[in-house]
Amino acid sequence: MAHCQILSAALHPLKSVRQETIVDYRYYQTKDIGSLNFIRRCKELRMPLVDIKKLVAVQSDGNAPCAGVDSLIYQQLEQIHTAQYELQQLEEHLQALANCCANQQIKDCEILQHLNAD
């Protein structure tokens, strides 16, 4: 049996076979290490836990169509595009605020005036 220390409590619901020890390590079968690596890679892609569970489950049927997996990846890609757009908008807003104030005293600070405006 191989051993692996779990770094994230979010993974625990996905793995049902584990043996805890006194030194806070958990021992997993070799196949479980592969599953944990798969889950880690999905988390690196910022996939939601519910989608990771779906991807773990779908692997049990090797003859199933890939359409569901493709759909999850495209949904994640769309969420990334949305987040990029929102971050771009935030950056532009912050840059406009940073550029609007050339005053030296708080009482004249145009940034604070914009933030306090209705």
Protein backbone atom coordinates (compact mmCIF):
# COMPACT_ATOMS: atom_id res chain seq x y z
CA MET A 1 0.00 0.00 0.00
CA ALA A 2 1.17 3.50 -0.79
CA HIS A 3 0.63 6.44 1.53
CA CYS A 4 -0.32 10.00 0.84
CA GLN A 5 -1.07 12.88 3.17
CA ILE A 6 -4.28 14.61 2.17
CA LEU A 7 -3.88 18.34 1.76
CA SER A 8 -7.50 19.29 1.25
CA ALA A 9 -10.52 18.29 3.28
CA ALA A 10 -12.63 18.85 0.17
CA LEU A 11 -11.32 15.58 -1.28
CA HIS A 12 -12.49 13.39 1.59
CA PRO A 13 -16.04 12.86 0.30
CA LEU A 14 -14.64 11.48 -2.96
CA LYS A 15 -12.56 8.75 -1.38
CA SER A 16 -14.26 6.16 0.77
CA VAL A 17 -11.46 3.64 1.37
CA ARG A 18 -8.76 4.96 3.66
CA GLN A 19 -7.02 3.90 6.84
CA GLU A 20 -6.01 6.56 9.33
CA THR A 21 -2.90 6.19 11.43
CA ILE A 22 -1.61 7.77 14.61
CA VAL A 23 0.72 10.18 12.75
CA ASP A 24 -2.19 11.67 10.76
CA TYR A 25 -1.29 9.96 7.49
CA ARG A 26 -3.80 8.03 5.45
CA TYR A 27 -2.85 4.91 3.53
CA TYR A 28 -4.32 4.40 0.07
CA GLN A 29 -4.21 1.65 -2.50
CA THR A 30 -2.20 2.45 -5.64
CA LYS A 31 -5.40 2.98 -7.68
CA ASP A 32 -6.56 5.52 -5.10
CA ILE A 33 -3.34 7.51 -5.57
CA GLY A 34 -4.24 7.80 -9.27
CA SER A 35 -7.71 9.04 -8.35
CA LEU A 36 -6.28 11.61 -5.96
CA ASN A 37 -3.88 12.85 -8.64
CA PHE A 38 -6.81 13.16 -11.05
CA ILE A 39 -8.77 15.16 -8.47
CA ARG A 40 -5.76 17.41 -7.80
CA ARG A 41 -5.43 18.15 -11.52
CA CYS A 42 -9.12 19.02 -11.73
CA LYS A 43 -8.77 21.34 -8.74
CA GLU A 44 -5.80 23.02 -10.43
CA LEU A 45 -8.21 23.79 -13.30
CA ARG A 46 -10.53 25.38 -10.69
CA MET A 47 -13.27 22.91 -11.45
CA PRO A 48 -16.15 22.86 -8.94
CA LEU A 49 -16.27 19.85 -6.63
CA VAL A 50 -19.63 18.77 -8.06
CA ASP A 51 -18.07 18.59 -11.55
CA ILE A 52 -15.03 16.72 -10.26
CA LYS A 53 -17.38 14.14 -8.73
CA LYS A 54 -19.10 13.76 -12.11
CA LEU A 55 -15.76 13.27 -13.86
CA VAL A 56 -14.67 10.70 -11.30
CA ALA A 57 -17.96 8.80 -11.70
CA VAL A 58 -18.06 8.81 -15.50
CA GLN A 59 -14.69 7.05 -15.72
CA SER A 60 -16.26 3.77 -14.61
CA ASP A 61 -17.87 3.25 -18.04
CA GLY A 62 -15.15 3.29 -20.69
CA ASN A 63 -17.70 2.97 -23.52
CA ALA A 64 -19.77 6.00 -22.49
CA PRO A 65 -19.73 9.01 -24.84
CA CYS A 66 -17.39 11.91 -24.08
CA ALA A 67 -20.11 14.54 -24.61
CA GLY A 68 -20.70 15.03 -20.87
CA VAL A 69 -16.99 15.49 -20.17
CA ASP A 70 -16.65 17.88 -23.11
CA SER A 71 -19.61 19.87 -21.82
CA LEU A 72 -18.11 20.23 -18.34
CA ILE A 73 -14.82 21.46 -19.80
CA TYR A 74 -16.56 23.96 -22.08
CA GLN A 75 -18.62 25.22 -19.12
CA GLN A 76 -15.44 25.71 -17.10
CA LEU A 77 -13.82 27.50 -20.03
CA GLU A 78 -16.83 29.83 -20.29
CA GLN A 79 -16.59 30.59 -16.57
CA ILE A 80 -12.91 31.46 -17.05
CA HIS A 81 -13.79 33.81 -19.92
CA THR A 82 -16.42 35.49 -17.77
CA ALA A 83 -13.97 35.89 -14.90
CA GLN A 84 -11.35 37.35 -17.26
CA TYR A 85 -13.86 39.89 -18.57
CA GLU A 86 -14.90 40.86 -15.04
CA LEU A 87 -11.26 41.24 -13.98
CA GLN A 88 -10.59 43.41 -17.05
CA GLN A 89 -13.51 45.66 -16.09
CA LEU A 90 -12.26 45.85 -12.51
CA GLU A 91 -8.76 46.72 -13.67
CA GLU A 92 -10.08 49.53 -15.90
CA HIS A 93 -12.19 50.93 -13.07
CA LEU A 94 -9.28 50.85 -10.62
CA GLN A 95 -6.96 52.43 -13.18
CA ALA A 96 -9.45 55.25 -13.76
CA LEU A 97 -9.63 55.84 -10.01
CA ALA A 98 -5.85 55.80 -9.70
CA ASN A 99 -5.53 58.34 -12.51
CA CYS A 100 -8.19 60.75 -11.26
CA CYS A 101 -6.48 62.15 -8.18
CA ALA A 102 -3.51 64.45 -8.27
CA ASN A 103 -4.24 66.16 -4.96
CA GLN A 104 -2.02 65.94 -1.91
CA GLN A 105 -4.52 66.07 0.95
CA ILE A 106 -7.28 63.67 1.92
CA LYS A 107 -9.83 66.50 2.05
CA ASP A 108 -9.28 66.97 -1.72
CA CYS A 109 -8.88 63.30 -2.66
CA GLU A 110 -10.89 62.63 -5.81
CA ILE A 111 -10.67 58.86 -5.35
CA LEU A 112 -12.48 59.10 -2.02
CA GLN A 113 -14.99 61.52 -3.56
CA HIS A 114 -15.78 59.00 -6.33
CA LEU A 115 -16.11 56.17 -3.81
CA ASN A 116 -18.45 58.26 -1.64
CA ALA A 117 -20.60 59.42 -4.57
CA ASP A 118 -24.19 58.18 -4.86
